[in-house]
N, C-alpha and C. Protein backbone atom coordinates (compact mmCIF):
# COMPACT_ATOMS: atom_id res chain seq x y z
N UNK A 1 32.04 83.80 117.00
CA UNK A 1 31.93 83.77 118.44
C UNK A 1 30.48 83.92 118.84
N UNK A 2 29.64 84.48 118.02
CA UNK A 2 28.23 84.64 118.36
C UNK A 2 27.50 83.31 118.28
N UNK A 3 28.07 82.29 117.59
CA UNK A 3 27.44 80.98 117.52
C UNK A 3 27.59 80.20 118.82
N UNK A 4 28.53 80.57 119.63
CA UNK A 4 28.79 79.88 120.90
C UNK A 4 28.00 80.59 122.00
N UNK A 5 27.19 79.84 122.70
CA UNK A 5 26.48 80.48 123.83
C UNK A 5 27.48 80.98 124.87
N UNK A 6 27.17 82.11 125.48
CA UNK A 6 28.06 82.71 126.47
C UNK A 6 28.25 81.85 127.70
N UNK A 7 27.34 80.95 127.96
CA UNK A 7 27.46 80.12 129.15
C UNK A 7 28.31 78.88 128.91
N UNK A 8 28.87 78.68 127.68
CA UNK A 8 29.72 77.53 127.38
C UNK A 8 31.19 77.96 127.43
N UNK A 9 31.86 77.85 128.59
CA UNK A 9 33.25 78.30 128.70
C UNK A 9 34.21 77.51 127.81
N UNK A 10 33.95 76.24 127.57
CA UNK A 10 34.83 75.43 126.73
C UNK A 10 34.74 75.85 125.27
N UNK A 11 33.56 76.18 124.83
CA UNK A 11 33.38 76.65 123.46
C UNK A 11 34.09 77.98 123.25
N UNK A 12 33.98 78.88 124.23
CA UNK A 12 34.65 80.17 124.16
C UNK A 12 36.17 80.00 124.15
N UNK A 13 36.66 79.10 124.99
CA UNK A 13 38.09 78.80 125.05
C UNK A 13 38.58 78.24 123.71
N UNK A 14 37.79 77.38 123.09
CA UNK A 14 38.16 76.79 121.80
C UNK A 14 38.26 77.87 120.72
N UNK A 15 37.31 78.79 120.70
CA UNK A 15 37.32 79.87 119.70
C UNK A 15 38.52 80.77 119.92
N UNK A 16 38.83 81.13 121.16
CA UNK A 16 39.99 81.97 121.47
C UNK A 16 41.30 81.26 121.09
N UNK A 17 41.36 79.97 121.36
CA UNK A 17 42.55 79.19 121.02
C UNK A 17 42.75 79.15 119.51
N UNK A 18 41.67 78.95 118.77
CA UNK A 18 41.77 78.93 117.31
C UNK A 18 42.25 80.28 116.77
N UNK A 19 41.77 81.37 117.35
CA UNK A 19 42.19 82.70 116.92
C UNK A 19 43.68 82.92 117.21
N UNK A 20 44.13 82.47 118.38
CA UNK A 20 45.56 82.61 118.71
C UNK A 20 46.41 81.77 117.77
N UNK A 21 45.98 80.54 117.48
CA UNK A 21 46.73 79.68 116.56
C UNK A 21 46.79 80.28 115.16
N UNK A 22 45.71 80.88 114.71
CA UNK A 22 45.70 81.51 113.39
C UNK A 22 46.69 82.68 113.36
N UNK A 23 46.75 83.47 114.44
CA UNK A 23 47.70 84.59 114.51
C UNK A 23 49.14 84.08 114.52
N UNK A 24 49.38 83.00 115.25
CA UNK A 24 50.72 82.41 115.31
C UNK A 24 51.13 81.88 113.93
N UNK A 25 50.20 81.20 113.26
CA UNK A 25 50.51 80.68 111.92
C UNK A 25 50.79 81.81 110.94
N UNK A 26 50.06 82.90 111.04
CA UNK A 26 50.29 84.05 110.16
C UNK A 26 51.69 84.62 110.40
N UNK A 27 52.07 84.75 111.67
CA UNK A 27 53.41 85.27 112.00
C UNK A 27 54.50 84.31 111.52
N UNK A 28 54.27 83.00 111.65
CA UNK A 28 55.24 82.02 111.17
C UNK A 28 55.41 82.14 109.65
N UNK A 29 54.31 82.33 108.95
CA UNK A 29 54.38 82.49 107.50
C UNK A 29 55.20 83.72 107.13
N UNK A 30 54.99 84.84 107.84
CA UNK A 30 55.78 86.06 107.60
C UNK A 30 57.25 85.81 107.89
N UNK A 31 57.54 85.14 109.00
CA UNK A 31 58.92 84.86 109.38
C UNK A 31 59.61 83.97 108.34
N UNK A 32 58.89 82.95 107.85
CA UNK A 32 59.47 82.08 106.82
C UNK A 32 59.73 82.84 105.53
N UNK A 33 58.87 83.77 105.18
CA UNK A 33 59.09 84.59 103.98
C UNK A 33 60.34 85.46 104.16
N UNK A 34 60.50 86.05 105.34
CA UNK A 34 61.69 86.86 105.63
C UNK A 34 62.95 85.99 105.58
N UNK A 35 62.87 84.80 106.13
CA UNK A 35 63.99 83.86 106.12
C UNK A 35 64.36 83.48 104.69
N UNK A 36 63.37 83.25 103.85
CA UNK A 36 63.62 82.90 102.45
C UNK A 36 64.33 84.05 101.73
N UNK A 37 63.91 85.29 102.00
CA UNK A 37 64.57 86.44 101.39
C UNK A 37 66.02 86.55 101.87
N UNK A 38 66.24 86.38 103.16
CA UNK A 38 67.60 86.44 103.71
C UNK A 38 68.46 85.34 103.11
N UNK A 39 67.91 84.16 102.99
CA UNK A 39 68.64 83.03 102.41
C UNK A 39 69.01 83.32 100.96
N UNK A 40 68.11 83.91 100.20
CA UNK A 40 68.39 84.25 98.81
C UNK A 40 69.51 85.28 98.72
N UNK A 41 69.49 86.28 99.62
CA UNK A 41 70.56 87.28 99.63
C UNK A 41 71.90 86.64 99.99
N UNK A 42 71.91 85.76 100.98
CA UNK A 42 73.15 85.08 101.38
C UNK A 42 73.68 84.22 100.24
N UNK A 43 72.79 83.52 99.54
CA UNK A 43 73.21 82.70 98.41
C UNK A 43 73.87 83.56 97.34
N UNK A 44 73.28 84.71 97.05
CA UNK A 44 73.86 85.61 96.05
C UNK A 44 75.23 86.11 96.50
N UNK A 45 75.38 86.47 97.78
CA UNK A 45 76.68 86.92 98.29
C UNK A 45 77.72 85.81 98.20
N UNK A 46 77.34 84.60 98.54
CA UNK A 46 78.28 83.47 98.46
C UNK A 46 78.68 83.19 97.03
N UNK A 47 77.74 83.34 96.10
CA UNK A 47 78.10 83.16 94.69
C UNK A 47 79.14 84.17 94.25
N UNK A 48 79.01 85.41 94.76
CA UNK A 48 79.98 86.44 94.40
C UNK A 48 81.35 86.14 94.99
N UNK A 49 81.39 85.50 96.17
CA UNK A 49 82.66 85.21 96.83
C UNK A 49 83.30 83.92 96.34
N UNK A 50 82.54 83.08 95.66
CA UNK A 50 83.06 81.79 95.21
C UNK A 50 84.19 82.01 94.21
N UNK A 51 85.14 81.10 94.17
CA UNK A 51 86.22 81.23 93.19
C UNK A 51 85.66 81.24 91.78
N UNK A 52 86.30 82.01 90.92
CA UNK A 52 85.87 82.07 89.54
C UNK A 52 86.20 80.77 88.84
N UNK A 53 85.33 80.30 87.94
CA UNK A 53 85.63 79.05 87.22
C UNK A 53 86.91 79.21 86.42
N UNK A 54 87.69 78.14 86.39
CA UNK A 54 88.92 78.15 85.62
C UNK A 54 90.14 78.62 86.39
N UNK A 55 89.94 79.21 87.58
CA UNK A 55 91.09 79.62 88.37
C UNK A 55 91.45 78.51 89.34
N UNK A 56 92.73 78.28 89.55
CA UNK A 56 93.12 77.25 90.51
C UNK A 56 92.76 77.69 91.93
N UNK A 57 92.50 76.74 92.83
CA UNK A 57 92.21 77.12 94.21
C UNK A 57 93.43 77.77 94.84
N UNK A 58 93.17 78.59 95.85
CA UNK A 58 94.29 79.22 96.55
C UNK A 58 95.17 78.17 97.20
N UNK A 59 96.48 78.30 97.07
CA UNK A 59 97.36 77.28 97.66
C UNK A 59 97.37 77.39 99.19
N UNK A 60 97.58 76.27 99.82
CA UNK A 60 97.76 76.26 101.26
C UNK A 60 99.17 76.78 101.54
N UNK A 61 99.28 77.70 102.48
CA UNK A 61 100.59 78.27 102.78
C UNK A 61 101.40 77.29 103.61
N UNK A 62 102.62 77.05 103.16
CA UNK A 62 103.52 76.14 103.85
C UNK A 62 104.11 76.84 105.08
N UNK A 63 104.65 76.06 106.03
CA UNK A 63 105.21 76.66 107.24
C UNK A 63 106.27 77.73 106.97
N UNK A 64 107.15 77.50 106.00
CA UNK A 64 108.19 78.50 105.71
C UNK A 64 107.56 79.80 105.23
N UNK A 65 106.55 79.68 104.39
CA UNK A 65 105.83 80.86 103.90
C UNK A 65 105.14 81.58 105.05
N UNK A 66 104.51 80.82 105.93
CA UNK A 66 103.81 81.42 107.08
C UNK A 66 104.79 82.15 108.00
N UNK A 67 105.98 81.57 108.21
CA UNK A 67 106.97 82.24 109.07
C UNK A 67 107.38 83.58 108.49
N UNK A 68 107.66 83.61 107.18
CA UNK A 68 108.07 84.87 106.55
C UNK A 68 106.91 85.86 106.59
N UNK A 69 105.73 85.41 106.25
CA UNK A 69 104.57 86.30 106.25
C UNK A 69 104.31 86.86 107.65
N UNK A 70 104.38 86.02 108.66
CA UNK A 70 104.18 86.48 110.04
C UNK A 70 105.24 87.51 110.43
N UNK A 71 106.48 87.25 110.03
CA UNK A 71 107.55 88.21 110.35
C UNK A 71 107.32 89.53 109.63
N UNK A 72 106.95 89.49 108.36
CA UNK A 72 106.67 90.72 107.63
C UNK A 72 105.54 91.50 108.28
N UNK A 73 104.49 90.79 108.68
CA UNK A 73 103.36 91.47 109.35
C UNK A 73 103.84 92.15 110.62
N UNK A 74 104.60 91.43 111.40
CA UNK A 74 105.05 91.93 112.70
C UNK A 74 106.03 93.09 112.54
N UNK A 75 107.01 92.93 111.69
CA UNK A 75 108.07 93.93 111.57
C UNK A 75 107.68 95.14 110.74
N UNK A 76 106.78 94.98 109.81
CA UNK A 76 106.47 96.06 108.89
C UNK A 76 105.05 96.59 109.00
N UNK A 77 104.27 96.00 109.88
CA UNK A 77 102.87 96.44 110.10
C UNK A 77 102.13 96.59 108.77
N UNK A 78 102.10 95.53 108.02
CA UNK A 78 101.46 95.54 106.70
C UNK A 78 99.94 95.58 106.86
N UNK A 79 99.29 96.29 105.94
CA UNK A 79 97.82 96.32 105.98
C UNK A 79 97.29 95.03 105.34
N UNK A 80 95.96 94.87 105.36
CA UNK A 80 95.35 93.63 104.88
C UNK A 80 95.65 93.37 103.41
N UNK A 81 95.60 94.42 102.58
CA UNK A 81 95.85 94.23 101.15
C UNK A 81 97.29 93.78 100.91
N UNK A 82 98.24 94.39 101.60
CA UNK A 82 99.64 93.99 101.44
C UNK A 82 99.84 92.54 101.91
N UNK A 83 99.20 92.15 102.99
CA UNK A 83 99.29 90.76 103.46
C UNK A 83 98.67 89.80 102.46
N UNK A 84 97.56 90.20 101.85
CA UNK A 84 96.91 89.36 100.85
C UNK A 84 97.83 89.16 99.65
N UNK A 85 98.43 90.24 99.16
CA UNK A 85 99.36 90.14 98.03
C UNK A 85 100.58 89.32 98.45
N UNK A 86 101.09 89.58 99.64
CA UNK A 86 102.26 88.84 100.12
C UNK A 86 101.97 87.34 100.19
N UNK A 87 100.78 86.97 100.63
CA UNK A 87 100.46 85.54 100.74
C UNK A 87 100.33 84.90 99.35
N UNK A 88 100.10 85.69 98.32
CA UNK A 88 100.09 85.16 96.96
C UNK A 88 101.51 85.08 96.39
N UNK A 89 102.32 86.13 96.60
CA UNK A 89 103.64 86.16 95.96
C UNK A 89 104.69 85.34 96.72
N UNK A 90 104.58 85.24 98.03
CA UNK A 90 105.61 84.55 98.82
C UNK A 90 105.87 83.10 98.39
N UNK A 91 104.85 82.26 98.21
CA UNK A 91 105.16 80.88 97.81
C UNK A 91 105.95 80.83 96.50
N UNK A 92 105.63 81.71 95.57
CA UNK A 92 106.34 81.74 94.30
C UNK A 92 107.77 82.24 94.47
N UNK A 93 107.95 83.26 95.30
CA UNK A 93 109.30 83.77 95.56
C UNK A 93 110.17 82.72 96.24
N UNK A 94 109.61 82.04 97.22
CA UNK A 94 110.39 81.03 97.95
C UNK A 94 110.71 79.83 97.07
N UNK A 95 109.80 79.49 96.17
CA UNK A 95 110.00 78.33 95.31
C UNK A 95 110.87 78.65 94.10
N UNK A 96 110.63 79.82 93.48
CA UNK A 96 111.29 80.13 92.22
C UNK A 96 112.38 81.20 92.35
N UNK A 97 112.41 81.91 93.47
CA UNK A 97 113.41 82.94 93.66
C UNK A 97 113.02 84.30 93.11
N UNK A 98 112.03 84.34 92.24
CA UNK A 98 111.58 85.60 91.65
C UNK A 98 110.12 85.46 91.26
N UNK A 99 109.49 86.60 91.07
CA UNK A 99 108.09 86.63 90.64
C UNK A 99 107.98 87.59 89.47
N UNK A 100 107.41 87.10 88.39
CA UNK A 100 107.08 87.96 87.25
C UNK A 100 105.60 87.73 86.99
N UNK A 101 104.79 88.66 87.46
CA UNK A 101 103.34 88.55 87.27
C UNK A 101 102.77 89.95 87.21
N UNK A 102 101.97 90.25 86.21
CA UNK A 102 101.38 91.59 86.13
C UNK A 102 100.40 91.80 87.29
N UNK A 103 100.25 93.04 87.74
CA UNK A 103 99.32 93.32 88.83
C UNK A 103 97.90 92.84 88.54
N UNK A 104 97.50 92.84 87.27
CA UNK A 104 96.16 92.37 86.92
C UNK A 104 95.96 90.91 87.28
N UNK A 105 96.99 90.10 87.04
CA UNK A 105 96.91 88.68 87.39
C UNK A 105 96.85 88.50 88.91
N UNK A 106 97.71 89.21 89.61
CA UNK A 106 97.71 89.12 91.08
C UNK A 106 96.36 89.58 91.62
N UNK A 107 95.82 90.63 91.05
CA UNK A 107 94.50 91.13 91.48
C UNK A 107 93.43 90.07 91.27
N UNK A 108 93.44 89.43 90.11
CA UNK A 108 92.43 88.39 89.84
C UNK A 108 92.56 87.23 90.82
N UNK A 109 93.78 86.83 91.11
CA UNK A 109 94.01 85.68 91.99
C UNK A 109 93.72 85.99 93.46
N UNK A 110 93.87 87.25 93.85
CA UNK A 110 93.66 87.61 95.26
C UNK A 110 92.28 88.20 95.53
N UNK A 111 91.58 88.62 94.48
CA UNK A 111 90.27 89.23 94.68
C UNK A 111 90.36 90.73 94.96
N UNK A 112 91.55 91.30 94.91
CA UNK A 112 91.71 92.74 95.12
C UNK A 112 91.53 93.47 93.79
N UNK A 113 91.35 94.77 93.86
CA UNK A 113 91.34 95.56 92.63
C UNK A 113 92.77 95.71 92.15
N UNK A 114 92.93 96.07 90.89
CA UNK A 114 94.27 96.28 90.35
C UNK A 114 94.96 97.42 91.11
N UNK A 115 94.20 98.49 91.40
CA UNK A 115 94.78 99.63 92.12
C UNK A 115 95.26 99.21 93.51
N UNK A 116 94.43 98.43 94.22
CA UNK A 116 94.82 97.98 95.56
C UNK A 116 96.04 97.06 95.48
N UNK A 117 96.11 96.24 94.44
CA UNK A 117 97.25 95.35 94.25
C UNK A 117 98.53 96.15 94.00
N UNK A 118 98.44 97.15 93.13
CA UNK A 118 99.62 97.98 92.85
C UNK A 118 100.08 98.73 94.10
N UNK A 119 99.13 99.24 94.88
CA UNK A 119 99.46 99.92 96.14
C UNK A 119 100.12 98.94 97.11
N UNK A 120 99.59 97.73 97.20
CA UNK A 120 100.15 96.72 98.10
C UNK A 120 101.57 96.35 97.67
N UNK A 121 101.80 96.20 96.38
CA UNK A 121 103.15 95.89 95.89
C UNK A 121 104.12 97.01 96.24
N UNK A 122 103.69 98.27 96.07
CA UNK A 122 104.56 99.40 96.44
C UNK A 122 104.84 99.38 97.94
N UNK A 123 103.83 99.06 98.75
CA UNK A 123 104.03 98.98 100.20
C UNK A 123 105.06 97.91 100.56
N UNK A 124 104.97 96.77 99.88
CA UNK A 124 105.91 95.68 100.14
C UNK A 124 107.33 96.07 99.73
N UNK A 125 107.46 96.84 98.65
CA UNK A 125 108.79 97.32 98.22
C UNK A 125 109.31 98.33 99.23
N UNK A 126 108.47 99.30 99.63
CA UNK A 126 108.90 100.32 100.62
C UNK A 126 109.32 99.68 101.93
N UNK A 127 108.62 98.62 102.33
CA UNK A 127 108.94 97.94 103.58
C UNK A 127 110.20 97.09 103.48
N UNK A 128 110.68 96.90 102.25
CA UNK A 128 111.88 96.07 102.07
C UNK A 128 111.57 94.60 101.91
N UNK A 129 110.31 94.24 101.82
CA UNK A 129 109.94 92.84 101.68
C UNK A 129 110.21 92.34 100.26
N UNK A 130 109.93 93.19 99.29
CA UNK A 130 110.18 92.87 97.89
C UNK A 130 111.20 93.85 97.32
N UNK A 131 111.91 93.37 96.33
CA UNK A 131 112.85 94.24 95.62
C UNK A 131 112.60 94.08 94.12
N UNK A 132 112.29 95.18 93.44
CA UNK A 132 112.11 95.08 91.99
C UNK A 132 113.47 94.83 91.34
N UNK A 133 113.53 93.87 90.42
CA UNK A 133 114.81 93.54 89.80
C UNK A 133 114.82 93.76 88.30
N UNK A 134 113.66 93.81 87.68
CA UNK A 134 113.60 94.02 86.22
C UNK A 134 112.19 94.43 85.85
N UNK A 135 112.08 95.07 84.69
CA UNK A 135 110.77 95.42 84.17
C UNK A 135 110.66 94.88 82.75
N UNK A 136 109.51 94.32 82.50
CA UNK A 136 109.22 93.79 81.16
C UNK A 136 107.90 94.40 80.74
N UNK A 137 107.95 95.48 79.98
CA UNK A 137 106.73 96.20 79.62
C UNK A 137 106.13 96.83 80.87
N UNK A 138 104.89 96.49 81.14
CA UNK A 138 104.19 97.01 82.33
C UNK A 138 104.39 96.12 83.55
N UNK A 139 105.12 95.03 83.38
CA UNK A 139 105.27 94.05 84.46
C UNK A 139 106.65 94.18 85.11
N UNK A 140 106.65 94.21 86.43
CA UNK A 140 107.90 94.27 87.18
C UNK A 140 108.20 92.89 87.75
N UNK A 141 109.46 92.49 87.70
CA UNK A 141 109.88 91.25 88.34
C UNK A 141 110.39 91.60 89.74
N UNK A 142 110.05 90.76 90.72
CA UNK A 142 110.45 90.99 92.11
C UNK A 142 111.20 89.79 92.64
N UNK A 143 112.05 90.06 93.62
CA UNK A 143 112.67 89.00 94.41
C UNK A 143 112.52 89.40 95.87
N UNK A 144 112.90 88.49 96.76
CA UNK A 144 112.84 88.79 98.19
C UNK A 144 113.75 89.99 98.48
N UNK A 145 113.25 90.88 99.32
CA UNK A 145 114.01 92.09 99.60
C UNK A 145 114.83 92.01 100.87
N UNK A 146 114.73 90.93 101.60
CA UNK A 146 115.48 90.80 102.86
C UNK A 146 115.75 89.32 103.10
N UNK A 147 116.69 89.02 103.99
CA UNK A 147 116.93 87.61 104.29
C UNK A 147 115.65 86.95 104.83
N UNK A 148 115.47 85.72 104.52
CA UNK A 148 114.29 84.99 104.99
C UNK A 148 114.70 83.63 105.53
N UNK A 149 113.74 82.98 106.22
CA UNK A 149 114.00 81.69 106.88
C UNK A 149 114.42 80.62 105.89
């Protein structure tokens, strides 16, 4: 700024403008670095949520399954974990009449922990949605516990 004579208002304006632009560019660089960090964190979170390789995609729930699931939610006030397990077991129950799957498998397919899956299965039995019909080792077989659509 000392190179510009004080009586040259355009020169002074140019120097001030350059200083402001440099400050703006510095802030933009900081913002882009923050954005890159946020993007990297989001990418990592999405990778964790992505389906595991080798597992089939979650099935689309058919209208009959949705009707039963909606009724169970409404009538039994099921928590999120119980609804998640129900949305996995219902299509199989409606199609095959029974479900024989260890809690570990249901947990892997739903993304819940084994403990949360076991608790959800007990909740569904207590609510009358599922009925245990047989045990094979550590695995319980279930059928529908109430009339359905």
